[in-house]
Each structure stands twice: as structure tokens, then as C-alpha cells.
C-alpha atoms as a PDB file:
ATOM      1  CA  UNK A   1       1.703  -1.856 -16.388  1.00  0.00           C
ATOM      2  CA  UNK A   2      -0.967   0.711 -17.127  1.00  0.00           C
ATOM      3  CA  UNK A   3       0.058   4.337 -17.639  1.00  0.00           C
ATOM      4  CA  UNK A   4       0.264   6.417 -14.456  1.00  0.00           C
ATOM      5  CA  UNK A   5      -2.423   8.871 -15.585  1.00  0.00           C
ATOM      6  CA  UNK A   6      -4.890   6.092 -16.349  1.00  0.00           C
ATOM      7  CA  UNK A   7      -4.170   4.382 -13.031  1.00  0.00           C
ATOM      8  CA  UNK A   8      -4.676   7.667 -11.156  1.00  0.00           C
ATOM      9  CA  UNK A   9      -7.973   8.393 -12.900  1.00  0.00           C
ATOM     10  CA  UNK A  10      -9.297   4.891 -12.267  1.00  0.00           C
ATOM     11  CA  UNK A  11      -8.303   5.129  -8.617  1.00  0.00           C
ATOM     12  CA  UNK A  12     -10.015   8.497  -8.205  1.00  0.00           C
ATOM     13  CA  UNK A  13     -13.170   7.186  -9.875  1.00  0.00           C
ATOM     14  CA  UNK A  14     -13.366   4.444  -7.221  1.00  0.00           C
ATOM     15  CA  UNK A  15     -13.389   6.975  -4.379  1.00  0.00           C
ATOM     16  CA  UNK A  16     -16.741   8.071  -2.987  1.00  0.00           C
ATOM     17  CA  UNK A  17     -18.298  11.155  -4.595  1.00  0.00           C
ATOM     18  CA  UNK A  18     -17.839  13.112  -1.387  1.00  0.00           C
ATOM     19  CA  UNK A  19     -14.089  12.363  -1.128  1.00  0.00           C
ATOM     20  CA  UNK A  20     -12.143  15.479  -0.236  1.00  0.00           C
ATOM     21  CA  UNK A  21      -8.873  16.621  -1.755  1.00  0.00           C
ATOM     22  CA  UNK A  22      -6.899  15.086   1.103  1.00  0.00           C
ATOM     23  CA  UNK A  23      -8.331  11.626   0.359  1.00  0.00           C
ATOM     24  CA  UNK A  24      -7.575  12.054  -3.327  1.00  0.00           C
ATOM     25  CA  UNK A  25      -4.009  13.155  -2.672  1.00  0.00           C
ATOM     26  CA  UNK A  26      -3.467  10.251  -0.253  1.00  0.00           C
ATOM     27  CA  UNK A  27      -4.723   7.776  -2.858  1.00  0.00           C
ATOM     28  CA  UNK A  28      -2.316   9.197  -5.446  1.00  0.00           C
ATOM     29  CA  UNK A  29       0.517   9.109  -2.877  1.00  0.00           C
ATOM     30  CA  UNK A  30      -0.099   5.411  -2.201  1.00  0.00           C
ATOM     31  CA  UNK A  31      -0.171   4.605  -5.931  1.00  0.00           C
ATOM     32  CA  UNK A  32       3.143   6.457  -6.360  1.00  0.00           C
ATOM     33  CA  UNK A  33       4.816   4.581  -3.512  1.00  0.00           C
ATOM     34  CA  UNK A  34       3.585   1.194  -4.746  1.00  0.00           C
ATOM     35  CA  UNK A  35       4.854   1.928  -8.269  1.00  0.00           C
ATOM     36  CA  UNK A  36       8.245   3.001  -6.919  1.00  0.00           C
ATOM     37  CA  UNK A  37       8.412  -0.156  -4.831  1.00  0.00           C
ATOM     38  CA  UNK A  38       7.586  -2.313  -7.821  1.00  0.00           C
ATOM     39  CA  UNK A  39      10.258  -0.543  -9.869  1.00  0.00           C
ATOM     40  CA  UNK A  40      12.829  -1.112  -7.117  1.00  0.00           C
ATOM     41  CA  UNK A  41      11.999  -4.819  -6.978  1.00  0.00           C
ATOM     42  CA  UNK A  42      12.250  -5.096 -10.754  1.00  0.00           C
ATOM     43  CA  UNK A  43      15.682  -3.467 -10.584  1.00  0.00           C
ATOM     44  CA  UNK A  44      16.841  -5.868  -7.873  1.00  0.00           C
ATOM     45  CA  UNK A  45      16.978  -3.234  -5.167  1.00  0.00           C
ATOM     46  CA  UNK A  46      15.911  -5.519  -2.346  1.00  0.00           C
ATOM     47  CA  UNK A  47      16.646  -5.780   1.344  1.00  0.00           C
ATOM     48  CA  UNK A  48      16.368  -9.202   2.958  1.00  0.00           C
ATOM     49  CA  UNK A  49      14.655  -9.541   6.315  1.00  0.00           C
ATOM     50  CA  UNK A  50      17.999 -10.516   7.839  1.00  0.00           C
ATOM     51  CA  UNK A  51      19.634  -7.335   6.547  1.00  0.00           C
ATOM     52  CA  UNK A  52      16.764  -5.282   7.878  1.00  0.00           C
ATOM     53  CA  UNK A  53      16.984  -6.881  11.326  1.00  0.00           C
ATOM     54  CA  UNK A  54      20.740  -6.159  11.464  1.00  0.00           C
ATOM     55  CA  UNK A  55      20.056  -2.559  10.498  1.00  0.00           C
ATOM     56  CA  UNK A  56      17.363  -2.181  13.156  1.00  0.00           C
ATOM     57  CA  UNK A  57      19.708  -3.576  15.821  1.00  0.00           C
ATOM     58  CA  UNK A  58      22.170  -0.765  15.043  1.00  0.00           C
ATOM     59  CA  UNK A  59      19.609   1.902  15.850  1.00  0.00           C
END
């Protein structure tokens, strides 16, 4: 996995030159959420689709 700073910089470089701060912040937000999701999977913190359906039914 590449360092977070490097990943953020590469992602920002791919945005159009006229990207505003909101677009930049959203891109960084998405990267953060994907990394956290990958970490959760690697740690075995998973929810099966069956578990999710049971949880939704309780709403």
C-alpha cells in the first residue's frame, strides 16, 4: 500500500486544473473511506449480506 500522502497527491494531480476545494476535499474523503474499508476487511471486520438483510429488516 502506498503512503497516504503520496496517494493523496497523486489523486489531486489527476483532478482537472480548475477543480475547486470542494472537489479536492471530496476526493480525499473517498480515499480515506476506501482505505478504512480495506483495513476493516484485512482485520476481518466483515458483515455478510445475510447479516445486513436481517439488520435492515429490524429498522
